Amino acid sequence: MGYDGTAIAVRQTAGSAADDAYLDVRIVSSAADFDALRPSWSRLHADSDTSVFQSWEWQKTWWKHLGQPAAAHRLHIVVLTQRGDVVAIAPFVVETIAIAPLVKLRRLTFLGAGISDYLDLLVRKGLESTCCERIAALLAEDAGAFDVLSLPDLPDGSRTRGPLVEALRRHGFEGNVFVAEQCCRSLLKTTWNETLDSFHGHHRRQLRWRRRGLEKRFAVELDVCASEERLPDDLEEFMQMHQQRWVRVGRKGVYADQAAAAFQREIAGIFSRRGWLFLAFLKIDGLRVASFCGFRHRGELAVYLTGMRDPGEAGKFSPGIVLHAMCMEAMTGQGVRTYDFLRGVEPYKYKCGAVDVPNWAISMFRGTARFGRLKNVIALLQASLSRRIEQEMLAFRHQRMVHRLLSAAMGRYLRSRLSATVRDGLKKLRAPEKPITLE
């Protein structure tokens, strides 16, 4: 049903007579139909409490640069309408992964998976149970067309996660719902002093010491890109700073991938025109040394990616942390109440008053589906191994530049990486669905 590239429409009664309407079900599988969805998608997004990652702009730009070019991806957007109005959108894509000669895994997942920190269904408030029931029924009807339902990055506050899981189980799906990662967030008060006072005592004192020390010795300025005229040059500088930060420690950096860089350039322009982009730099004696690109949306500021140049003497004051403190202070006066560091548990986030908020994932199969489960485990382990090899090779080349190949320091490094790789490999074998990141 609809997996052959055609759009379909099925008339189906809703969960009970009290719903007083039928639900029309349509599967969008072409780029043209995806484009035509924009007005309805945007209205539903505006009326929901979802993030910028669920906006039509983000999802369509992801499809253009990171989804559509890959032959392995196929659109499968489920659209529910009630009395002619779109009331739910399940932004799915079917990903085909070759795991052996003539053996492939078909994974039904979210559009935007991989580079989006929050993903979810878009459902009109009050219709969560009804729409999730219909979506689950549709997926059960077509369960033979995919091997695994893998939905990552569902936020802790998702209104659809629970109803969808319950509906899937009623329709014969089995599997796990688990915390995959943590998203760190700081809560902002009405003033900066109140916000700072709410932080842990040690972290509060350290923030004050860092900022006073930096401002005492250098000319410090928060520089926010506030015009579309500046955006192209500022964005290119940010992307260079991001790459410099990661290459300096032997990592790849997001923008080493040309498709990711093209995606960033386009989405930055779109979000700038929507008023959602926040691109900030910390200038020390006139030089930009720290930066971040984030999104301001519905009273929240999300820190998406960061960049850093060698700060020289200023490094002892942690200019990246000072940048966050200055941005937090600016946001308190503008009605922003959540400073979201997004995925990852890097120590600097907790020094800025952040606490963990879980991101959830759903991994389910139709019935026992033993072969599908086996293929899924193999695909997850293969992908993890491929990423790990790439990361370790980059890190090794960096260490070889810093230390002599036969030095004692290189020996200590290799022993530490071998130990970490074995430990992480065992973790991955025990829980293939959960991400393991390079330390």
Protein backbone atom coordinates (compact mmCIF):
# COMPACT_ATOMS: atom_id res chain seq x y z
CA MET A 1 0.00 0.00 0.00
CA GLY A 2 1.78 3.09 -1.24
CA TYR A 3 5.28 1.58 -1.21
CA ASP A 4 5.39 1.48 -4.99
CA GLY A 5 5.91 5.24 -5.19
CA THR A 6 2.26 6.26 -5.56
CA ALA A 7 0.17 8.40 -3.25
CA ILE A 8 -2.88 6.63 -1.84
CA ALA A 9 -6.05 7.68 -0.09
CA VAL A 10 -7.94 5.34 2.23
CA ARG A 11 -11.16 6.21 4.02
CA GLN A 12 -11.24 4.73 7.49
CA THR A 13 -13.37 5.32 10.55
CA ALA A 14 -11.68 6.85 13.55
CA GLY A 15 -11.32 5.15 16.93
CA SER A 16 -14.93 5.72 18.09
CA ALA A 17 -18.22 7.16 16.99
CA ALA A 18 -17.62 10.09 19.33
CA ASP A 19 -14.92 11.32 16.97
CA ASP A 20 -17.80 12.35 14.67
CA ALA A 21 -15.64 12.14 11.56
CA TYR A 22 -13.72 9.81 9.32
CA LEU A 23 -9.96 9.95 9.00
CA ASP A 24 -8.65 10.08 5.46
CA VAL A 25 -5.23 8.47 5.15
CA ARG A 26 -2.78 9.44 2.44
CA ILE A 27 0.83 8.38 1.93
CA VAL A 28 3.06 10.98 0.31
CA SER A 29 5.93 9.37 -1.55
CA SER A 30 6.96 11.95 -4.17
CA ALA A 31 8.90 15.20 -3.87
CA ALA A 32 6.11 17.11 -5.61
CA ASP A 33 3.51 15.92 -3.11
CA PHE A 34 5.95 16.73 -0.30
CA ASP A 35 6.14 20.31 -1.62
CA ALA A 36 2.34 20.53 -1.83
CA LEU A 37 2.10 19.61 1.85
CA ARG A 38 3.85 22.80 2.95
CA PRO A 39 0.81 24.95 3.93
CA SER A 40 -0.88 22.19 5.91
CA TRP A 41 2.40 21.05 7.49
CA SER A 42 3.28 24.60 8.54
CA ARG A 43 -0.15 25.20 10.10
CA LEU A 44 0.07 21.96 12.05
CA HIS A 45 3.61 22.77 13.17
CA ALA A 46 2.59 26.26 14.30
CA ASP A 47 -0.26 24.84 16.39
CA SER A 48 1.88 22.13 18.00
CA ASP A 49 4.64 22.32 20.61
CA THR A 50 7.28 20.68 18.44
CA SER A 51 10.72 22.09 17.65
CA VAL A 52 12.27 23.64 14.54
CA PHE A 53 13.43 20.15 13.56
CA GLN A 54 9.80 19.22 12.80
CA SER A 55 9.20 22.27 10.60
CA TRP A 56 8.51 21.72 6.91
CA GLU A 57 11.56 23.86 6.09
CA TRP A 58 13.99 21.69 8.05
CA GLN A 59 12.53 18.39 6.88
CA LYS A 60 12.32 19.37 3.20
CA THR A 61 15.87 20.79 3.20
CA TRP A 62 17.13 17.60 4.84
CA TRP A 63 15.40 15.56 2.13
CA LYS A 64 16.91 17.73 -0.60
CA HIS A 65 20.51 17.47 0.57
CA LEU A 66 20.79 14.34 2.72
CA GLY A 67 17.82 12.13 1.88
CA GLN A 68 16.83 12.42 -1.76
CA PRO A 69 20.39 12.09 -3.19
CA ALA A 70 20.70 8.69 -1.53
CA ALA A 71 19.02 6.01 -3.61
CA ALA A 72 18.51 4.02 -0.42
CA HIS A 73 15.91 6.50 0.90
CA ARG A 74 12.23 6.48 -0.04
CA LEU A 75 9.60 8.93 1.24
CA HIS A 76 6.73 7.47 3.22
CA ILE A 77 4.94 10.42 4.84
CA VAL A 78 1.61 9.40 6.39
CA VAL A 79 -0.96 12.20 6.29
CA LEU A 80 -4.29 12.04 8.16
CA THR A 81 -7.11 14.45 7.40
CA GLN A 82 -10.41 14.99 9.15
CA ARG A 83 -13.21 16.80 7.33
CA GLY A 84 -10.64 18.01 4.82
CA ASP A 85 -8.17 19.40 7.38
CA VAL A 86 -4.77 17.83 7.95
CA VAL A 87 -4.72 16.72 11.59
CA ALA A 88 -1.61 14.53 11.66
CA ILE A 89 1.62 14.00 9.74
CA ALA A 90 3.97 11.09 10.37
CA PRO A 91 7.16 12.14 8.52
CA PHE A 92 8.59 8.72 7.72
CA VAL A 93 11.19 7.53 5.25
CA VAL A 94 12.14 3.96 4.31
CA GLU A 95 15.88 3.42 4.34
CA THR A 96 17.35 0.36 2.61
CA ILE A 97 20.70 -0.85 3.97
CA ALA A 98 22.80 -3.55 2.32
CA ILE A 99 24.27 -5.80 5.02
CA ALA A 100 25.46 -8.70 2.86
CA PRO A 101 25.27 -9.78 -0.81
CA LEU A 102 21.56 -9.96 -1.70
CA VAL A 103 20.59 -9.24 1.94
CA LYS A 104 19.11 -5.85 2.81
CA LEU A 105 17.50 -4.27 5.83
CA ARG A 106 14.50 -1.99 5.28
CA ARG A 107 14.22 0.50 8.13
CA LEU A 108 11.18 2.75 8.57
CA THR A 109 12.44 5.86 10.38
CA PHE A 110 11.94 9.60 10.68
CA LEU A 111 12.86 12.13 8.03
CA GLY A 112 15.83 14.08 9.33
CA ALA A 113 17.27 11.25 11.41
CA GLY A 114 20.93 11.71 12.18
CA ILE A 115 21.29 15.48 12.23
CA SER A 116 18.03 16.40 14.02
CA ASP A 117 18.06 16.49 17.81
CA TYR A 118 14.28 16.15 18.21
CA LEU A 119 11.91 14.19 15.97
CA ASP A 120 8.25 13.39 16.41
CA LEU A 121 4.84 13.03 14.81
CA LEU A 122 2.86 16.20 14.16
CA VAL A 123 -0.64 15.72 15.58
CA ARG A 124 -3.40 18.19 16.37
CA LYS A 125 -3.83 18.50 20.12
CA GLY A 126 -6.57 16.27 21.49
CA LEU A 127 -6.32 13.75 18.64
CA GLU A 128 -3.13 11.96 19.71
CA SER A 129 -4.72 8.62 20.61
CA THR A 130 -7.02 8.53 17.58
CA CYS A 131 -4.29 9.41 15.08
CA CYS A 132 -1.67 7.12 16.61
CA GLU A 133 -4.16 4.26 16.48
CA ARG A 134 -4.77 4.84 12.77
CA ILE A 135 -1.04 5.19 12.01
CA ALA A 136 -0.28 1.97 13.90
CA ALA A 137 -3.05 0.14 12.01
CA LEU A 138 -1.64 1.33 8.68
CA LEU A 139 1.88 0.23 9.62
CA ALA A 140 0.55 -3.18 10.68
CA GLU A 141 -1.15 -3.59 7.31
CA ASP A 142 2.14 -2.89 5.53
CA ALA A 143 4.55 -4.50 7.99
CA GLY A 144 5.83 -6.79 5.25
CA ALA A 145 7.27 -3.78 3.44
CA PHE A 146 9.82 -2.96 6.17
CA ASP A 147 11.86 -4.98 8.64
CA VAL A 148 12.11 -2.62 11.59
CA LEU A 149 10.36 0.48 12.86
CA SER A 150 13.14 2.68 14.25
CA LEU A 151 12.07 6.09 15.54
CA PRO A 152 14.90 8.04 17.24
CA ASP A 153 15.13 11.31 19.16
CA LEU A 154 11.61 11.56 20.55
CA PRO A 155 11.68 14.34 23.16
CA ASP A 156 10.75 13.63 26.75
CA GLY A 157 7.71 15.89 26.43
CA SER A 158 6.34 14.18 23.32
CA ARG A 159 2.54 13.89 23.41
CA THR A 160 2.55 11.06 20.88
CA ARG A 161 5.27 8.71 22.14
CA GLY A 162 3.07 6.91 24.67
CA PRO A 163 -0.08 6.64 22.51
CA LEU A 164 1.94 5.46 19.51
CA VAL A 165 3.77 2.75 21.44
CA GLU A 166 0.51 1.49 22.99
CA ALA A 167 -1.20 1.45 19.59
CA LEU A 168 1.71 -0.36 17.94
CA ARG A 169 1.58 -3.06 20.61
CA ARG A 170 -2.16 -3.47 20.13
CA HIS A 171 -1.47 -4.08 16.45
CA GLY A 172 1.08 -6.81 17.02
CA PHE A 173 4.38 -4.93 17.19
CA GLU A 174 7.01 -5.94 19.73
CA GLY A 175 10.18 -4.20 20.77
CA ASN A 176 11.77 -1.60 23.01
CA VAL A 177 11.16 1.97 24.06
CA PHE A 178 14.26 3.33 25.75
CA VAL A 179 16.24 6.44 26.66
CA ALA A 180 18.80 6.75 23.88
CA GLU A 181 20.56 9.99 24.82
CA GLN A 182 20.36 12.97 27.13
CA CYS A 183 19.67 16.54 26.04
CA CYS A 184 21.12 19.07 28.48
CA ARG A 185 19.07 22.19 29.27
CA SER A 186 19.47 25.23 31.49
CA LEU A 187 16.41 27.07 32.77
CA LEU A 188 16.61 30.85 32.55
CA LYS A 189 14.96 33.18 35.06
CA THR A 190 13.68 36.69 34.39
CA THR A 191 17.11 38.23 35.13
CA TRP A 192 20.68 37.03 34.69
CA ASN A 193 21.47 37.38 38.40
CA GLU A 194 18.49 35.19 39.29
CA THR A 195 19.58 32.67 36.67
CA LEU A 196 23.15 32.62 37.96
CA ASP A 197 21.95 32.25 41.55
CA SER A 198 20.02 29.12 40.54
CA PHE A 199 23.21 27.37 39.38
CA HIS A 200 25.25 25.07 41.62
CA GLY A 201 27.54 27.12 43.89
CA HIS A 202 30.82 25.92 42.38
CA HIS A 203 29.62 26.42 38.84
CA ARG A 204 28.24 29.86 39.69
CA ARG A 205 31.56 30.97 41.17
CA GLN A 206 33.51 29.57 38.23
CA LEU A 207 31.31 31.38 35.69
CA ARG A 208 31.81 34.68 37.47
CA TRP A 209 35.56 34.13 37.77
CA ARG A 210 35.93 33.23 34.09
CA ARG A 211 33.98 36.20 32.83
CA ARG A 212 35.59 38.73 35.19
CA GLY A 213 39.06 37.41 34.38
CA LEU A 214 38.45 37.60 30.64
CA GLU A 215 36.94 41.09 30.76
CA LYS A 216 39.72 42.37 33.03
CA ARG A 217 42.51 41.37 30.65
CA PHE A 218 40.89 41.69 27.24
CA ALA A 219 38.29 43.66 25.31
CA VAL A 220 35.34 41.23 25.25
CA GLU A 221 32.30 41.56 22.99
CA LEU A 222 29.28 39.45 22.11
CA ASP A 223 28.77 39.70 18.35
CA VAL A 224 25.42 38.41 17.06
CA CYS A 225 24.69 38.16 13.34
CA ALA A 226 21.59 40.31 13.01
CA SER A 227 21.25 40.91 9.26
CA GLU A 228 20.89 38.82 6.14
CA GLU A 229 23.64 40.89 4.50
CA ARG A 230 26.15 39.63 7.06
CA LEU A 231 24.91 36.05 7.08
CA PRO A 232 26.89 34.49 4.18
CA ASP A 233 30.27 35.71 5.43
CA ASP A 234 29.45 35.07 9.10
CA LEU A 235 28.21 31.57 8.35
CA GLU A 236 31.33 30.68 6.37
CA GLU A 237 33.51 31.93 9.23
CA PHE A 238 31.48 29.91 11.72
CA MET A 239 31.83 26.77 9.62
CA GLN A 240 35.60 27.30 9.42
CA MET A 241 35.76 27.76 13.21
CA HIS A 242 33.73 24.58 13.74
CA GLN A 243 36.11 22.58 11.54
CA GLN A 244 39.17 24.12 13.23
CA ARG A 245 37.86 23.11 16.64
CA TRP A 246 37.42 19.46 15.72
CA VAL A 247 40.40 19.00 13.41
CA ARG A 248 42.62 20.37 16.18
CA VAL A 249 41.67 17.39 18.38
CA GLY A 250 41.78 14.80 15.61
CA ARG A 251 38.09 14.65 14.74
CA LYS A 252 36.26 15.06 11.45
CA GLY A 253 33.83 17.92 12.05
CA VAL A 254 30.33 18.14 10.56
CA TYR A 255 31.27 20.27 7.56
CA ALA A 256 33.85 17.86 6.20
CA ASP A 257 30.79 16.33 4.56
CA GLN A 258 29.86 18.51 1.58
CA ALA A 259 26.17 17.59 1.70
CA ALA A 260 26.00 18.60 5.37
CA ALA A 261 27.70 21.90 4.55
CA ALA A 262 25.24 22.58 1.71
CA PHE A 263 22.36 21.73 4.04
CA GLN A 264 23.67 24.16 6.69
CA ARG A 265 24.06 27.01 4.22
CA GLU A 266 20.53 26.64 2.87
CA ILE A 267 18.77 26.10 6.20
CA ALA A 268 20.62 29.04 7.76
CA GLY A 269 19.22 31.36 5.11
CA ILE A 270 15.70 29.95 5.47
CA PHE A 271 15.75 30.15 9.27
CA SER A 272 17.22 33.65 9.18
CA ARG A 273 14.23 34.84 7.16
CA ARG A 274 11.89 33.10 9.63
CA GLY A 275 13.65 34.77 12.59
CA TRP A 276 14.74 31.39 13.98
CA LEU A 277 18.50 31.56 13.37
CA PHE A 278 20.87 32.62 16.16
CA LEU A 279 24.51 32.91 15.09
CA ALA A 280 26.81 34.36 17.76
CA PHE A 281 30.53 35.00 18.20
CA LEU A 282 32.69 35.94 21.16
CA LYS A 283 35.26 38.57 20.17
CA ILE A 284 38.40 38.98 22.26
CA ASP A 285 40.48 42.05 21.38
CA GLY A 286 38.57 42.22 18.12
CA LEU A 287 39.18 38.58 17.10
CA ARG A 288 36.38 36.03 16.99
CA VAL A 289 37.54 33.06 19.06
CA ALA A 290 34.33 31.21 20.00
CA SER A 291 31.01 30.79 18.21
CA PHE A 292 27.80 28.85 18.01
CA CYS A 293 24.98 28.40 15.57
CA GLY A 294 21.60 27.77 17.14
CA PHE A 295 17.88 28.22 16.76
CA ARG A 296 15.53 30.49 18.66
CA HIS A 297 11.98 29.19 18.65
CA ARG A 298 9.00 29.38 21.02
CA GLY A 299 10.80 30.80 24.01
CA GLU A 300 13.79 28.48 23.70
CA LEU A 301 17.30 28.88 22.35
CA ALA A 302 18.87 25.65 21.08
CA VAL A 303 22.66 25.38 20.68
CA TYR A 304 23.07 23.31 17.52
CA LEU A 305 26.80 23.48 16.69
CA THR A 306 29.81 25.31 18.09
CA GLY A 307 33.15 26.55 16.81
CA MET A 308 36.45 27.65 18.36
CA ARG A 309 39.78 29.14 17.32
CA ASP A 310 42.93 28.85 19.37
CA PRO A 311 42.24 31.48 22.05
CA GLY A 312 45.84 31.84 23.17
CA GLU A 313 46.22 33.29 26.67
CA ALA A 314 42.46 33.72 26.93
CA GLY A 315 42.05 29.94 26.89
CA LYS A 316 42.50 29.63 30.66
CA PHE A 317 39.21 31.49 31.10
CA SER A 318 37.25 29.06 28.87
CA PRO A 319 35.94 31.58 26.30
CA GLY A 320 33.42 29.06 24.95
CA ILE A 321 31.72 28.89 28.35
CA VAL A 322 31.86 32.68 28.65
CA LEU A 323 30.12 32.93 25.27
CA HIS A 324 27.26 30.77 26.58
CA ALA A 325 27.01 32.86 29.74
CA MET A 326 26.80 36.09 27.73
CA CYS A 327 24.16 34.58 25.42
CA MET A 328 22.14 33.39 28.41
CA GLU A 329 22.27 36.89 29.87
CA ALA A 330 21.10 38.38 26.57
CA MET A 331 18.26 35.86 26.32
CA THR A 332 16.89 36.51 29.82
CA GLY A 333 15.96 40.01 28.73
CA GLN A 334 14.21 38.71 25.61
CA GLY A 335 11.77 36.27 27.16
CA VAL A 336 13.73 33.09 26.46
CA ARG A 337 13.29 30.63 29.33
CA THR A 338 15.06 27.49 28.10
CA TYR A 339 18.67 27.33 26.93
CA ASP A 340 18.88 23.92 25.26
CA PHE A 341 22.32 22.43 24.65
CA LEU A 342 20.66 19.56 22.74
CA ARG A 343 22.16 16.06 22.57
CA GLY A 344 25.34 15.10 24.36
CA VAL A 345 26.68 15.20 27.90
CA GLU A 346 29.83 17.26 27.45
CA PRO A 347 31.07 18.59 30.83
CA TYR A 348 30.95 22.28 29.82
CA LYS A 349 27.15 22.13 29.62
CA TYR A 350 26.80 21.32 33.31
CA LYS A 351 29.15 24.19 34.13
CA CYS A 352 26.45 26.39 32.58
CA GLY A 353 23.72 25.09 34.89
CA ALA A 354 22.36 22.38 32.59
CA VAL A 355 20.44 19.30 33.71
CA ASP A 356 19.75 16.12 31.75
CA VAL A 357 16.45 15.66 29.90
CA PRO A 358 16.06 12.30 28.13
CA ASN A 359 15.59 11.71 24.43
CA TRP A 360 13.71 8.48 23.69
CA ALA A 361 13.80 5.97 20.86
CA ILE A 362 11.40 3.31 19.62
CA SER A 363 12.65 0.08 18.02
CA MET A 364 9.85 -2.34 17.15
CA PHE A 365 9.15 -5.32 14.91
CA ARG A 366 6.00 -6.97 13.66
CA GLY A 367 5.55 -10.11 15.78
CA THR A 368 8.65 -12.21 16.35
CA ALA A 369 10.33 -11.23 13.03
CA ARG A 370 13.51 -13.11 13.96
CA PHE A 371 15.26 -12.55 10.64
CA GLY A 372 14.37 -8.84 10.71
CA ARG A 373 15.77 -8.53 14.23
CA LEU A 374 18.99 -10.25 13.20
CA LYS A 375 19.40 -8.02 10.16
CA ASN A 376 18.80 -4.94 12.29
CA VAL A 377 21.48 -5.94 14.81
CA ILE A 378 23.97 -6.62 12.01
CA ALA A 379 23.22 -3.25 10.34
CA LEU A 380 23.63 -1.37 13.64
CA LEU A 381 26.92 -3.08 14.43
CA GLN A 382 28.25 -2.53 10.90
CA ALA A 383 27.39 1.18 11.02
CA SER A 384 28.93 1.57 14.46
CA LEU A 385 32.10 -0.24 13.40
CA SER A 386 32.42 1.89 10.26
CA ARG A 387 32.06 5.12 12.25
CA ARG A 388 34.50 3.90 14.87
CA ILE A 389 37.18 2.98 12.34
CA GLU A 390 36.87 6.38 10.68
CA GLN A 391 37.06 8.22 14.03
CA GLU A 392 40.00 6.19 15.28
CA MET A 393 41.97 6.64 12.04
CA LEU A 394 41.51 10.41 12.18
CA ALA A 395 42.50 10.47 15.85
CA PHE A 396 45.56 8.28 15.15
CA ARG A 397 46.79 10.57 12.38
CA HIS A 398 46.39 13.55 14.70
CA GLN A 399 48.31 11.84 17.52
CA ARG A 400 51.07 10.84 15.10
CA MET A 401 51.50 14.51 14.20
CA VAL A 402 51.66 15.49 17.88
CA HIS A 403 53.89 12.62 19.08
CA ARG A 404 56.54 10.49 17.40
CA LEU A 405 55.19 7.16 16.18
CA LEU A 406 57.47 5.13 18.48
CA SER A 407 57.29 7.48 21.47
CA ALA A 408 56.11 6.54 24.95
CA ALA A 409 53.24 9.01 24.62
CA MET A 410 52.02 7.26 21.47
CA GLY A 411 52.21 3.92 23.27
CA ARG A 412 50.07 5.23 26.12
CA TYR A 413 47.59 6.65 23.62
CA LEU A 414 47.27 3.36 21.72
CA ARG A 415 46.76 1.38 24.94
CA SER A 416 44.04 3.80 26.08
CA ARG A 417 42.23 3.64 22.73
CA LEU A 418 42.40 -0.16 22.64
CA SER A 419 40.87 -0.32 26.11
CA ALA A 420 38.13 2.17 25.20
CA THR A 421 37.36 0.37 21.93
CA VAL A 422 36.97 -3.00 23.66
CA ARG A 423 34.79 -1.47 26.39
CA ASP A 424 32.58 0.37 23.87
CA GLY A 425 32.36 -2.72 21.66
CA LEU A 426 31.00 -4.77 24.54
CA LYS A 427 28.46 -2.04 25.31
CA LYS A 428 27.36 -2.01 21.68
CA LEU A 429 26.94 -5.78 21.61
CA ARG A 430 24.72 -5.61 24.70
CA ALA A 431 22.60 -2.72 23.40
CA PRO A 432 23.04 -2.27 19.61
CA GLU A 433 20.36 0.46 19.42
CA LYS A 434 22.09 2.82 21.84
CA PRO A 435 24.71 5.22 20.44
CA ILE A 436 28.33 4.93 21.55
CA THR A 437 30.45 8.03 21.02
CA LEU A 438 34.20 8.42 20.86
CA GLU A 439 35.64 9.84 24.06
